[in-house]
Amino acid sequence: MDPSAVIEVLRQFVPTEITITTQSRLAEDLLIDSMNLIDLILSLEETFQLQIPTSDVRIENFQTVEKIIIYIERTLETSKA
C-alpha cells in the first residue's frame, strides 16, 4: 500500500506545520487525541471501504502511521479471502 493514501487522510487531523512520516506516532507526534481518533477511524473506513471493529481500536494497530498502514493492508487482504 502506498503510505501517501493514509498520510492524506491523516493530514485532515494534523496541523499543517507538522510533518507526517510512517514513523510518526499519533498522540505524541501528530497530536491526535481521542476525539480526533474516532473521526480518523471513520475517515479511514470511508477512504479504504472497510469496517474497523471497536475491538481493533488498540494501541497495537494505531500507535504509528506505519501500524495503521499494516492494519489496513491486513484487513483488506482478509476481506478479499
Protein backbone atom coordinates (compact mmCIF):
# COMPACT_ATOMS: atom_id res chain seq x y z
CA MET A 1 0.00 0.00 0.00
CA ASP A 2 1.16 3.48 -0.82
CA PRO A 3 1.67 5.31 2.51
CA SER A 4 0.59 8.59 0.92
CA ALA A 5 -3.06 7.45 0.93
CA VAL A 6 -3.04 7.07 4.73
CA ILE A 7 -1.00 10.25 5.17
CA GLU A 8 -3.54 12.14 3.07
CA VAL A 9 -6.34 11.02 5.42
CA LEU A 10 -4.24 11.94 8.47
CA ARG A 11 -3.48 15.38 7.05
CA GLN A 12 -7.12 16.35 7.77
CA PHE A 13 -6.48 15.97 11.51
CA VAL A 14 -2.91 17.23 11.89
CA PRO A 15 -1.74 20.85 11.98
CA THR A 16 -0.11 21.80 8.67
CA GLU A 17 3.23 22.63 10.28
CA ILE A 18 3.67 19.02 11.46
CA THR A 19 5.43 16.62 9.09
CA ILE A 20 3.82 13.19 8.82
CA THR A 21 6.04 10.16 8.20
CA THR A 22 5.39 6.44 8.52
CA GLN A 23 7.22 6.54 11.87
CA SER A 24 5.06 9.36 13.28
CA ARG A 25 3.24 8.46 16.48
CA LEU A 26 -0.38 9.53 16.53
CA ALA A 27 -0.60 11.03 20.01
CA GLU A 28 2.95 12.18 20.62
CA ASP A 29 3.99 13.46 17.18
CA LEU A 30 0.73 14.20 15.37
CA LEU A 31 -1.26 15.44 18.38
CA ILE A 32 -4.22 13.14 17.64
CA ASP A 33 -6.43 13.00 20.72
CA SER A 34 -9.20 10.50 21.46
CA MET A 35 -11.88 12.59 19.75
CA ASN A 36 -9.77 13.02 16.62
CA LEU A 37 -9.01 9.30 16.67
CA ILE A 38 -12.70 8.50 16.31
CA ASP A 39 -13.00 10.85 13.34
CA LEU A 40 -9.79 9.45 11.86
CA ILE A 41 -11.12 5.90 12.07
CA LEU A 42 -14.35 6.94 10.34
CA SER A 43 -12.33 8.61 7.58
CA LEU A 44 -10.12 5.55 7.15
CA GLU A 45 -13.20 3.34 6.91
CA GLU A 46 -14.71 5.57 4.25
CA THR A 47 -11.49 6.03 2.27
CA PHE A 48 -10.48 2.37 2.22
CA GLN A 49 -14.01 0.91 2.15
CA LEU A 50 -13.57 -1.19 5.28
CA GLN A 51 -15.04 -1.54 8.75
CA ILE A 52 -12.84 -1.21 11.80
CA PRO A 53 -14.41 -3.03 14.76
CA THR A 54 -14.16 -1.31 18.13
CA SER A 55 -12.19 -4.31 19.38
CA ASP A 56 -9.46 -3.49 16.82
CA VAL A 57 -9.00 0.08 18.06
CA ARG A 58 -5.95 -0.75 20.15
CA ILE A 59 -2.53 0.80 20.51
CA GLU A 60 -1.02 -2.13 18.60
CA ASN A 61 -2.97 -1.08 15.50
CA PHE A 62 -2.98 2.70 15.76
CA GLN A 63 0.17 3.84 17.55
CA THR A 64 2.07 4.94 14.43
CA VAL A 65 1.28 5.68 10.80
CA GLU A 66 3.14 2.51 9.85
CA LYS A 67 0.95 0.42 12.18
CA ILE A 68 -2.17 1.92 10.60
CA ILE A 69 -0.87 1.01 7.14
CA ILE A 70 -0.11 -2.55 8.25
CA TYR A 71 -3.55 -2.86 9.86
CA ILE A 72 -5.33 -1.61 6.72
CA GLU A 73 -3.30 -3.88 4.45
CA ARG A 74 -4.05 -6.89 6.65
CA THR A 75 -7.76 -6.02 6.88
CA LEU A 76 -8.10 -5.52 3.13
CA GLU A 77 -6.27 -8.79 2.43
CA THR A 78 -8.51 -10.67 4.87
CA SER A 79 -11.65 -9.24 3.26
CA LYS A 80 -10.51 -10.47 -0.18
CA ALA A 81 -10.08 -14.05 1.06
